[in-house]
Amino acid sequence: MSDFQLSLSEYLNTVSEIIKMAFGEAVWVKAEIRNLNIKAGHYYLELAEKEQDSDKVIAQCKGTIWKFSAQKIVSKFERESGIEFDKGLNVLIKVRAKFDAQYGFSVNIEDIDSSFTLGELAKRYLQIVDRLTQEQLIHRNKLLATPFDIENVLVIAPENAAGLGDFKKDADQLQNANLCQFVYYSATFQGNTAPQSIMQALGNGLRDWAEKYDHAPDLIVIIRGGGSVNDLAYLNDYELAALLCKRSVPIWVGIGHEKDRTILDEVAHRSFDTPSKVIAGIRNIIVERAQHAADFLQMIKLYSKQHISAYQNQNDQCMQLIETYAKRQVSDSLKNLQLYKSSTAYFAQQVIKSASVKTESLMRETLLQNPKNVMAKGYAIIRHEQKAIKSVSQIHGDRLAIEMQDGTIDVSIQQIDHVNP
């Protein structure tokens, strides 16, 4: 065992002195702010570096912006970048190394380069927005009508992403209930190849859809889980944005950030914070349409009952009116019939009475004209060959018979004197 021994504090203080000598000057360091706490005006940060293709942390340390300089540094960064200083940012910071025997290694932050955070990517973002606006593309997809009913959805997402799992949890329930069909295509959402991968996945999905179905999808969904703010920059691509703008199908996106937006959020028909909110929006549309249908059905039933009731009331009124008119007509007819009956009886009596009078008159006249009565008054009936004659022209012989009341006289014709009319 060596005779030279140091206490832990001596050893760590020695390390501190070495660090001061080696890193006495401040240097610019790139890092991600994993966490941020503000206490008594001091900013306490957790800084980290991750592998480019994963979220694995390969380096980390603590950083501090002391109160006496915090206001100046943070305000300057936010004013120049337009970005709120918060966790999740990738920053270029000017740091001075510090090692304390009691608190360990950390860095004091003396400045923040806002141009790094905003950088060329942010400028490019604004340029893309301006170009899409000038070409009148930026609002084209937004202006499409929301599908009346959502039955078929094409989904573009990273394979096995956590956000996709959240989305599918509710989507599978809708699909199992035969309310909506979801077709999934995978794409890379990180790295320089992200835009091309998304465009390729969308193209393949639409081509396969056209071969299988005779109708377009009701909705195209583009989702991914959360990630660092810097990862979002890969999605700010003009070609990708222009392609989405020109789609005739509404596009809904859920990139997984509440505060930070990408160009996909700018051009999409609807933008959501997370994939879970996208599927919630789809479910809400389906539920809303179903509720509308149920409301319309209830309204139809109500109106039908009201119309049936109204028609029944009208029918009852008409039946009552018909019954009243029928009774009135029957009553009037009976009155008229009684009147006709009375009139007929009266006229019949008058006719009988008149006929009786005429009959009596005719009988008296008949009795008066009876030959016996006439001959009793001194008249006689002249007969020639047993026939009564009324004119001398009816005489063809020289014999006549004169019939009187009490006998017949047989006479011989001596002479006939004609009397001129």
Foldseek 3Di string as FASTA:
>chain_A
DDPDDDDLQVVQVVVQVVLCVVQVAWDKDKWFFAFWDADPQKIKTKTFDADQVDRHTDDIAIEIEDNVCNVVAQVVLCVVQVDHDGGLFIWIFTWGWGAHSVPGTYTYTDHTDNCVRCDPLVVLLVVLVVVCVVVVLLCQLLPADQDLAAAEEEEEEAPPAPLVVLLVVVVVVCVVVNRHDYDYFYFDQFDLCRLVRRVVRVVVRQVVCVVPDVDGGQEYEYFHADDGPVRLSSVQDNVSLNVQSPDNHAYEYAHAADPDDHSCCRRGNHYDPGSNVVSVVNVVSNVVSVVVVVVVVVVVVVVVVVVVVVVVVVVVVVVVVVVVVVVVVVVVVVVVVVVVVVVVVVVVVVVVVVVVVVVVVVVVVVVCPPVLNVLVVVDWFKDDPNHTDDDPVVDDAQWIWIGGNVGIDIDGHDDDDDDDD
